[in-house]
Amino acid sequence: MTPTPLSIAIDRTSPVPLYFQVAQELERRITSGEIAVGTRLENELLLAERLGLSRPTLRRSIEYLVDRGLLVRKRGVGTQVVMPRVRRPLQLSSLHDDLTRAGEHPRTEVLRLAVEAPPDAVATSLEVAPDTEVYVIERLRYTRDEPLALMHNYVPLGLVRLDEETLAHQGLYQLLRAAGVSLKIASQSIGARNATAAEARVLDESRGAPLLTMDRTVYDDVGRVVEVGSHVYRASRYSFELTLTD
């Protein structure tokens, strides 16, 4: 693929650093689709000369976008645009709601919806007897028409009425809140592991590809467990964000 020459207007009187002006404009073009995934950029020296920047300034712009997951450097290929990662803040919200707010237009495929006794470990987390029937839900969440996450949820009966059609078009937390359930707090753990053959097939990844994992137990405002979730996400397309304060 022939490298794409770029022209970016730079305001040298602005208090915004030059590297960040370039990075912001490139990010806008990539996320809007104006610069397509797979596009190869000119080498840094040529691009710096074209934009009237020093090479270190341009390199800082490129490194910023590499860190953001928008560009990748490949030996023998150069700097190339990749599919932007979904960056999700750590808060008590559903993936569907977060993607919708980010303008990602999520799509959901309900792989399974059943009423049955959950695994013993899940029953313990739900604080119910092992033979208690609950909603067992398996969904595949898409964004930009690519699979992003494989999600397993367990919800006690009596909180909300669920069906495949509704789950395909609305987020689970949205449905719980609409049913009058007040989500209050969650216990959550995040990890990583390699994809199984079945997960890789569903998520369109290679077997053994890295996956991010999230296990969550959600409580309502009176302390009841209202949902247990166990999800895996494509590490190539997804990251968690958190803010640390002193």
C-alpha atoms as a PDB file:
ATOM      1  CA  MET A   1       0.000   0.000   0.000  1.00  0.00           C
ATOM      2  CA  THR A   2       1.419   3.392  -0.990  1.00  0.00           C
ATOM      3  CA  PRO A   3       2.042   5.699   2.001  1.00  0.00           C
ATOM      4  CA  THR A   4      -0.588   8.408   2.338  1.00  0.00           C
ATOM      5  CA  PRO A   5       0.705  12.011   2.210  1.00  0.00           C
ATOM      6  CA  LEU A   6      -0.905  14.134   4.904  1.00  0.00           C
ATOM      7  CA  SER A   7      -1.640  17.816   5.139  1.00  0.00           C
ATOM      8  CA  ILE A   8      -2.507  19.189   8.562  1.00  0.00           C
ATOM      9  CA  ALA A   9      -3.079  22.834   9.415  1.00  0.00           C
ATOM     10  CA  ILE A  10      -1.012  23.840  12.442  1.00  0.00           C
ATOM     11  CA  ASP A  11      -1.620  26.956  14.515  1.00  0.00           C
ATOM     12  CA  ARG A  12       1.789  28.066  15.767  1.00  0.00           C
ATOM     13  CA  THR A  13       0.210  30.842  17.872  1.00  0.00           C
ATOM     14  CA  SER A  14      -1.940  28.396  19.832  1.00  0.00           C
ATOM     15  CA  PRO A  15      -1.016  27.430  23.416  1.00  0.00           C
ATOM     16  CA  VAL A  16      -1.738  23.796  22.429  1.00  0.00           C
ATOM     17  CA  PRO A  17       1.605  22.021  21.825  1.00  0.00           C
ATOM     18  CA  LEU A  18       2.383  21.332  18.180  1.00  0.00           C
ATOM     19  CA  TYR A  19       2.721  17.584  18.704  1.00  0.00           C
ATOM     20  CA  PHE A  20      -0.731  17.476  20.323  1.00  0.00           C
ATOM     21  CA  GLN A  21      -2.352  19.490  17.523  1.00  0.00           C
ATOM     22  CA  VAL A  22      -1.083  16.904  15.023  1.00  0.00           C
ATOM     23  CA  ALA A  23      -2.079  13.972  17.254  1.00  0.00           C
ATOM     24  CA  GLN A  24      -5.596  15.327  17.810  1.00  0.00           C
ATOM     25  CA  GLU A  25      -6.208  15.881  14.098  1.00  0.00           C
ATOM     26  CA  LEU A  26      -4.904  12.438  13.179  1.00  0.00           C
ATOM     27  CA  GLU A  27      -7.043  10.872  15.915  1.00  0.00           C
ATOM     28  CA  ARG A  28     -10.114  12.698  14.602  1.00  0.00           C
ATOM     29  CA  ARG A  29      -9.507  11.474  11.053  1.00  0.00           C
ATOM     30  CA  ILE A  30      -8.868   7.895  12.147  1.00  0.00           C
ATOM     31  CA  THR A  31     -11.879   7.585  14.471  1.00  0.00           C
ATOM     32  CA  SER A  32     -14.177   9.200  11.884  1.00  0.00           C
ATOM     33  CA  GLY A  33     -12.989   6.791   9.182  1.00  0.00           C
ATOM     34  CA  GLU A  34     -11.509   9.571   7.070  1.00  0.00           C
ATOM     35  CA  ILE A  35      -8.198   7.713   7.340  1.00  0.00           C
ATOM     36  CA  ALA A  36      -8.999   4.044   6.843  1.00  0.00           C
ATOM     37  CA  VAL A  37      -7.722   1.125   8.898  1.00  0.00           C
ATOM     38  CA  GLY A  38      -4.629  -0.285   7.184  1.00  0.00           C
ATOM     39  CA  THR A  39      -3.485   3.091   5.822  1.00  0.00           C
ATOM     40  CA  ARG A  40       0.297   3.439   5.944  1.00  0.00           C
ATOM     41  CA  LEU A  41       1.739   6.842   6.833  1.00  0.00           C
ATOM     42  CA  GLU A  42       4.780   8.434   5.252  1.00  0.00           C
ATOM     43  CA  ASN A  43       8.047   7.913   7.082  1.00  0.00           C
ATOM     44  CA  GLU A  44       8.650  10.340   9.925  1.00  0.00           C
ATOM     45  CA  LEU A  45      11.313  12.375   8.163  1.00  0.00           C
ATOM     46  CA  LEU A  46       9.159  13.085   5.099  1.00  0.00           C
ATOM     47  CA  LEU A  47       6.056  13.756   7.183  1.00  0.00           C
ATOM     48  CA  ALA A  48       7.946  16.100   9.518  1.00  0.00           C
ATOM     49  CA  GLU A  49       9.248  18.055   6.528  1.00  0.00           C
ATOM     50  CA  ARG A  50       5.770  18.202   4.966  1.00  0.00           C
ATOM     51  CA  LEU A  51       4.247  19.591   8.180  1.00  0.00           C
ATOM     52  CA  GLY A  52       7.144  21.912   8.959  1.00  0.00           C
ATOM     53  CA  LEU A  53       7.907  20.174  12.266  1.00  0.00           C
ATOM     54  CA  SER A  54      11.035  18.839  13.874  1.00  0.00           C
ATOM     55  CA  ARG A  55      11.371  15.087  13.780  1.00  0.00           C
ATOM     56  CA  PRO A  56      11.221  14.739  17.610  1.00  0.00           C
ATOM     57  CA  THR A  57       7.952  16.721  17.657  1.00  0.00           C
ATOM     58  CA  LEU A  58       6.391  14.493  15.026  1.00  0.00           C
ATOM     59  CA  ARG A  59       7.700  11.359  16.733  1.00  0.00           C
ATOM     60  CA  ARG A  60       5.977  12.451  19.929  1.00  0.00           C
ATOM     61  CA  SER A  61       2.678  12.753  18.022  1.00  0.00           C
ATOM     62  CA  ILE A  62       3.113   9.267  16.585  1.00  0.00           C
ATOM     63  CA  GLU A  63       4.018   7.781  19.980  1.00  0.00           C
ATOM     64  CA  TYR A  64       0.922   9.366  21.520  1.00  0.00           C
ATOM     65  CA  LEU A  65      -1.295   7.668  18.929  1.00  0.00           C
ATOM     66  CA  VAL A  66       0.549   4.363  19.288  1.00  0.00           C
ATOM     67  CA  ASP A  67      -0.154   4.515  23.029  1.00  0.00           C
ATOM     68  CA  ARG A  68      -3.808   5.249  22.230  1.00  0.00           C
ATOM     69  CA  GLY A  69      -3.983   2.098  20.101  1.00  0.00           C
ATOM     70  CA  LEU A  70      -4.644   4.004  16.836  1.00  0.00           C
ATOM     71  CA  LEU A  71      -1.296   3.449  15.141  1.00  0.00           C
ATOM     72  CA  VAL A  72       1.166   0.582  15.119  1.00  0.00           C
ATOM     73  CA  ARG A  73       4.786   0.440  13.995  1.00  0.00           C
ATOM     74  CA  LYS A  74       5.670  -2.632  11.929  1.00  0.00           C
ATOM     75  CA  ARG A  75       9.194  -3.544  10.879  1.00  0.00           C
ATOM     76  CA  GLY A  76       9.468  -3.384   7.099  1.00  0.00           C
ATOM     77  CA  VAL A  77       6.037  -1.764   6.776  1.00  0.00           C
ATOM     78  CA  GLY A  78       6.239   1.489   8.708  1.00  0.00           C
ATOM     79  CA  THR A  79       3.541   3.255  10.714  1.00  0.00           C
ATOM     80  CA  GLN A  80       0.058   1.944  10.003  1.00  0.00           C
ATOM     81  CA  VAL A  81      -3.467   2.778  11.138  1.00  0.00           C
ATOM     82  CA  VAL A  82      -5.184   0.026  13.138  1.00  0.00           C
ATOM     83  CA  MET A  83      -8.729  -0.468  14.382  1.00  0.00           C
ATOM     84  CA  PRO A  84      -9.197   1.851  17.400  1.00  0.00           C
ATOM     85  CA  ARG A  85      -9.547   0.131  20.741  1.00  0.00           C
ATOM     86  CA  VAL A  86     -12.621   0.590  22.844  1.00  0.00           C
ATOM     87  CA  ARG A  87     -11.478   2.360  26.009  1.00  0.00           C
ATOM     88  CA  ARG A  88     -13.884   1.783  28.867  1.00  0.00           C
ATOM     89  CA  PRO A  89     -13.927   3.630  32.208  1.00  0.00           C
ATOM     90  CA  LEU A  90     -14.215   1.518  35.332  1.00  0.00           C
ATOM     91  CA  GLN A  91     -17.634   2.337  36.751  1.00  0.00           C
ATOM     92  CA  LEU A  92     -20.920   0.615  37.494  1.00  0.00           C
ATOM     93  CA  SER A  93     -22.254   0.667  33.945  1.00  0.00           C
ATOM     94  CA  SER A  94     -22.886  -1.901  31.242  1.00  0.00           C
ATOM     95  CA  LEU A  95     -20.730  -2.386  28.174  1.00  0.00           C
ATOM     96  CA  HIS A  96     -23.793  -1.659  26.014  1.00  0.00           C
ATOM     97  CA  ASP A  97     -24.342   1.707  27.715  1.00  0.00           C
ATOM     98  CA  ASP A  98     -20.658   2.659  27.557  1.00  0.00           C
ATOM     99  CA  LEU A  99     -20.429   1.827  23.853  1.00  0.00           C
ATOM    100  CA  THR A 100     -23.621   3.734  23.103  1.00  0.00           C
ATOM    101  CA  ARG A 101     -22.339   6.833  24.916  1.00  0.00           C
ATOM    102  CA  ALA A 102     -19.087   6.577  22.953  1.00  0.00           C
ATOM    103  CA  GLY A 103     -21.005   6.498  19.654  1.00  0.00           C
ATOM    104  CA  GLU A 104     -19.883   2.952  18.869  1.00  0.00           C
ATOM    105  CA  HIS A 105     -23.378   1.649  17.902  1.00  0.00           C
ATOM    106  CA  PRO A 106     -23.143  -1.741  19.647  1.00  0.00           C
ATOM    107  CA  ARG A 107     -24.901  -4.841  18.369  1.00  0.00           C
ATOM    108  CA  THR A 108     -25.714  -7.888  20.462  1.00  0.00           C
ATOM    109  CA  GLU A 109     -26.188 -11.519  19.510  1.00  0.00           C
ATOM    110  CA  VAL A 110     -27.903 -13.589  22.195  1.00  0.00           C
ATOM    111  CA  LEU A 111     -26.227 -16.983  22.062  1.00  0.00           C
ATOM    112  CA  ARG A 112     -28.191 -18.484  24.938  1.00  0.00           C
ATOM    113  CA  LEU A 113     -30.928 -17.560  27.389  1.00  0.00           C
ATOM    114  CA  ALA A 114     -32.055 -20.235  29.822  1.00  0.00           C
ATOM    115  CA  VAL A 115     -33.607 -20.655  33.259  1.00  0.00           C
ATOM    116  CA  GLU A 116     -31.585 -23.219  35.170  1.00  0.00           C
ATOM    117  CA  ALA A 117     -29.401 -23.800  38.208  1.00  0.00           C
ATOM    118  CA  PRO A 118     -26.030 -22.011  37.850  1.00  0.00           C
ATOM    119  CA  PRO A 119     -22.598 -23.507  38.580  1.00  0.00           C
ATOM    120  CA  ASP A 120     -21.927 -23.893  42.304  1.00  0.00           C
ATOM    121  CA  ALA A 121     -19.415 -21.018  42.382  1.00  0.00           C
ATOM    122  CA  VAL A 122     -21.946 -18.684  40.768  1.00  0.00           C
ATOM    123  CA  ALA A 123     -24.690 -19.793  43.165  1.00  0.00           C
ATOM    124  CA  THR A 124     -22.372 -18.900  46.027  1.00  0.00           C
ATOM    125  CA  SER A 125     -21.765 -15.448  44.539  1.00  0.00           C
ATOM    126  CA  LEU A 126     -25.512 -14.976  44.012  1.00  0.00           C
ATOM    127  CA  GLU A 127     -26.084 -16.056  47.629  1.00  0.00           C
ATOM    128  CA  VAL A 128     -28.650 -18.691  46.607  1.00  0.00           C
ATOM    129  CA  ALA A 129     -28.884 -22.444  47.132  1.00  0.00           C
ATOM    130  CA  PRO A 130     -27.039 -24.516  44.488  1.00  0.00           C
ATOM    131  CA  ASP A 131     -30.267 -25.878  42.972  1.00  0.00           C
ATOM    132  CA  THR A 132     -31.958 -22.455  42.659  1.00  0.00           C
ATOM    133  CA  GLU A 133     -32.923 -21.586  39.090  1.00  0.00           C
ATOM    134  CA  VAL A 134     -31.745 -18.245  37.686  1.00  0.00           C
ATOM    135  CA  TYR A 135     -31.468 -16.579  34.313  1.00  0.00           C
ATOM    136  CA  VAL A 136     -28.349 -17.827  32.517  1.00  0.00           C
ATOM    137  CA  ILE A 137     -27.367 -15.510  29.667  1.00  0.00           C
ATOM    138  CA  GLU A 138     -24.612 -15.783  27.056  1.00  0.00           C
ATOM    139  CA  ARG A 139     -24.190 -12.892  24.610  1.00  0.00           C
ATOM    140  CA  LEU A 140     -21.722 -11.778  21.971  1.00  0.00           C
ATOM    141  CA  ARG A 141     -21.278  -8.000  21.831  1.00  0.00           C
ATOM    142  CA  TYR A 142     -20.180  -6.337  18.582  1.00  0.00           C
ATOM    143  CA  THR A 143     -18.881  -2.866  17.804  1.00  0.00           C
ATOM    144  CA  ARG A 144     -18.098  -1.567  14.309  1.00  0.00           C
ATOM    145  CA  ASP A 145     -19.423  -4.945  13.106  1.00  0.00           C
ATOM    146  CA  GLU A 146     -16.569  -6.765  14.848  1.00  0.00           C
ATOM    147  CA  PRO A 147     -16.973  -9.073  17.850  1.00  0.00           C
ATOM    148  CA  LEU A 148     -15.646  -7.395  20.992  1.00  0.00           C
ATOM    149  CA  ALA A 149     -16.777  -9.338  24.054  1.00  0.00           C
ATOM    150  CA  LEU A 150     -18.236 -12.687  25.057  1.00  0.00           C
ATOM    151  CA  MET A 151     -20.409 -12.147  28.118  1.00  0.00           C
ATOM    152  CA  HIS A 152     -21.952 -14.538  30.633  1.00  0.00           C
ATOM    153  CA  ASN A 153     -24.495 -13.175  33.119  1.00  0.00           C
ATOM    154  CA  TYR A 154     -26.526 -14.759  35.891  1.00  0.00           C
ATOM    155  CA  VAL A 155     -29.587 -12.926  37.231  1.00  0.00           C
ATOM    156  CA  PRO A 156     -32.014 -14.082  39.977  1.00  0.00           C
ATOM    157  CA  LEU A 157     -35.578 -14.711  38.858  1.00  0.00           C
ATOM    158  CA  GLY A 158     -38.222 -12.247  40.002  1.00  0.00           C
ATOM    159  CA  LEU A 159     -36.183  -9.092  39.422  1.00  0.00           C
ATOM    160  CA  VAL A 160     -36.890  -8.607  35.736  1.00  0.00           C
ATOM    161  CA  ARG A 161     -38.503 -10.474  32.827  1.00  0.00           C
ATOM    162  CA  LEU A 162     -35.955 -11.253  30.132  1.00  0.00           C
ATOM    163  CA  ASP A 163     -36.312 -12.493  26.565  1.00  0.00           C
ATOM    164  CA  GLU A 164     -33.886 -12.798  23.661  1.00  0.00           C
ATOM    165  CA  GLU A 165     -35.447 -10.017  21.601  1.00  0.00           C
ATOM    166  CA  THR A 166     -35.149  -7.467  24.404  1.00  0.00           C
ATOM    167  CA  LEU A 167     -31.601  -8.533  25.325  1.00  0.00           C
ATOM    168  CA  ALA A 168     -30.550  -8.156  21.705  1.00  0.00           C
ATOM    169  CA  HIS A 169     -31.514  -4.473  21.671  1.00  0.00           C
ATOM    170  CA  GLN A 170     -31.002  -3.213  25.219  1.00  0.00           C
ATOM    171  CA  GLY A 171     -28.313  -3.469  27.861  1.00  0.00           C
ATOM    172  CA  LEU A 172     -28.914  -5.730  30.853  1.00  0.00           C
ATOM    173  CA  TYR A 173     -28.413  -2.919  33.383  1.00  0.00           C
ATOM    174  CA  GLN A 174     -30.826  -0.749  31.418  1.00  0.00           C
ATOM    175  CA  LEU A 175     -33.445  -3.497  31.701  1.00  0.00           C
ATOM    176  CA  LEU A 176     -32.803  -3.988  35.419  1.00  0.00           C
ATOM    177  CA  ARG A 177     -33.126  -0.283  36.139  1.00  0.00           C
ATOM    178  CA  ALA A 178     -36.322  -0.077  34.069  1.00  0.00           C
ATOM    179  CA  ALA A 179     -37.720  -2.896  36.219  1.00  0.00           C
ATOM    180  CA  GLY A 180     -37.093  -0.825  39.339  1.00  0.00           C
ATOM    181  CA  VAL A 181     -33.818  -2.419  40.433  1.00  0.00           C
ATOM    182  CA  SER A 182     -31.481   0.191  41.944  1.00  0.00           C
ATOM    183  CA  LEU A 183     -27.903  -0.838  41.174  1.00  0.00           C
ATOM    184  CA  LYS A 184     -25.717   0.434  43.994  1.00  0.00           C
ATOM    185  CA  ILE A 185     -22.285  -1.183  44.228  1.00  0.00           C
ATOM    186  CA  ALA A 186     -20.194  -3.922  42.626  1.00  0.00           C
ATOM    187  CA  SER A 187     -17.266  -6.127  43.496  1.00  0.00           C
ATOM    188  CA  GLN A 188     -15.096  -6.561  40.424  1.00  0.00           C
ATOM    189  CA  SER A 189     -11.852  -8.239  39.414  1.00  0.00           C
ATOM    190  CA  ILE A 190      -9.945  -7.804  36.145  1.00  0.00           C
ATOM    191  CA  GLY A 191      -7.400 -10.184  34.695  1.00  0.00           C
ATOM    192  CA  ALA A 192      -6.032 -11.694  31.515  1.00  0.00           C
ATOM    193  CA  ARG A 193      -5.610 -15.122  29.960  1.00  0.00           C
ATOM    194  CA  ASN A 194      -5.330 -16.845  26.610  1.00  0.00           C
ATOM    195  CA  ALA A 195      -8.405 -17.599  24.509  1.00  0.00           C
ATOM    196  CA  THR A 196      -9.732 -21.130  24.325  1.00  0.00           C
ATOM    197  CA  ALA A 197     -10.441 -22.596  20.891  1.00  0.00           C
ATOM    198  CA  ALA A 198     -14.178 -21.929  21.304  1.00  0.00           C
ATOM    199  CA  GLU A 199     -13.650 -18.337  22.476  1.00  0.00           C
ATOM    200  CA  ALA A 200     -11.193 -17.632  19.670  1.00  0.00           C
ATOM    201  CA  ARG A 201     -13.685 -18.894  17.096  1.00  0.00           C
ATOM    202  CA  VAL A 202     -16.532 -16.741  18.418  1.00  0.00           C
ATOM    203  CA  LEU A 203     -14.380 -13.629  18.872  1.00  0.00           C
ATOM    204  CA  ASP A 204     -12.595 -13.987  15.524  1.00  0.00           C
ATOM    205  CA  GLU A 205      -9.199 -14.308  17.187  1.00  0.00           C
ATOM    206  CA  SER A 206      -6.436 -16.877  16.880  1.00  0.00           C
ATOM    207  CA  ARG A 207      -6.378 -19.694  19.424  1.00  0.00           C
ATOM    208  CA  GLY A 208      -4.375 -18.616  22.448  1.00  0.00           C
ATOM    209  CA  ALA A 209      -4.799 -14.900  21.686  1.00  0.00           C
ATOM    210  CA  PRO A 210      -4.715 -12.670  24.791  1.00  0.00           C
ATOM    211  CA  LEU A 211      -8.080 -11.834  26.333  1.00  0.00           C
ATOM    212  CA  LEU A 212      -8.987  -9.432  29.120  1.00  0.00           C
ATOM    213  CA  THR A 213     -11.315 -10.872  31.743  1.00  0.00           C
ATOM    214  CA  MET A 214     -13.770  -9.249  34.112  1.00  0.00           C
ATOM    215  CA  ASP A 215     -15.740 -10.908  36.896  1.00  0.00           C
ATOM    216  CA  ARG A 216     -18.333  -8.765  38.643  1.00  0.00           C
ATOM    217  CA  THR A 217     -20.934  -9.181  41.387  1.00  0.00           C
ATOM    218  CA  VAL A 218     -23.512  -6.380  41.563  1.00  0.00           C
ATOM    219  CA  TYR A 219     -25.624  -5.413  44.589  1.00  0.00           C
ATOM    220  CA  ASP A 220     -28.721  -3.227  44.817  1.00  0.00           C
ATOM    221  CA  ASP A 221     -29.461  -0.497  47.362  1.00  0.00           C
ATOM    222  CA  VAL A 222     -30.685  -2.995  49.961  1.00  0.00           C
ATOM    223  CA  GLY A 223     -27.693  -5.316  49.641  1.00  0.00           C
ATOM    224  CA  ARG A 224     -29.211  -8.037  47.434  1.00  0.00           C
ATOM    225  CA  VAL A 225     -27.043  -9.626  44.763  1.00  0.00           C
ATOM    226  CA  VAL A 226     -28.788  -8.773  41.485  1.00  0.00           C
ATOM    227  CA  GLU A 227     -26.253  -9.975  38.904  1.00  0.00           C
ATOM    228  CA  VAL A 228     -23.074 -11.984  38.526  1.00  0.00           C
ATOM    229  CA  GLY A 229     -21.105 -11.516  35.331  1.00  0.00           C
ATOM    230  CA  SER A 230     -18.080 -13.219  33.824  1.00  0.00           C
ATOM    231  CA  HIS A 231     -16.856 -11.667  30.582  1.00  0.00           C
ATOM    232  CA  VAL A 232     -13.900 -11.881  28.202  1.00  0.00           C
ATOM    233  CA  TYR A 233     -12.782  -9.097  25.850  1.00  0.00           C
ATOM    234  CA  ARG A 234     -10.420  -9.010  22.879  1.00  0.00           C
ATOM    235  CA  ALA A 235      -7.222  -7.424  24.191  1.00  0.00           C
ATOM    236  CA  SER A 236      -6.462  -6.194  20.665  1.00  0.00           C
ATOM    237  CA  ARG A 237      -9.655  -4.113  20.662  1.00  0.00           C
ATOM    238  CA  TYR A 238     -10.368  -3.260  24.267  1.00  0.00           C
ATOM    239  CA  SER A 239      -8.869  -1.682  27.375  1.00  0.00           C
ATOM    240  CA  PHE A 240     -10.018  -0.538  30.795  1.00  0.00           C
ATOM    241  CA  GLU A 241      -9.375   2.964  32.091  1.00  0.00           C
ATOM    242  CA  LEU A 242      -9.158   3.975  35.731  1.00  0.00           C
ATOM    243  CA  THR A 243      -8.403   7.188  37.545  1.00  0.00           C
ATOM    244  CA  LEU A 244      -6.134   7.127  40.585  1.00  0.00           C
ATOM    245  CA  THR A 245      -6.276   9.866  43.213  1.00  0.00           C
ATOM    246  CA  ASP A 246      -4.268  10.560  46.307  1.00  0.00           C
END
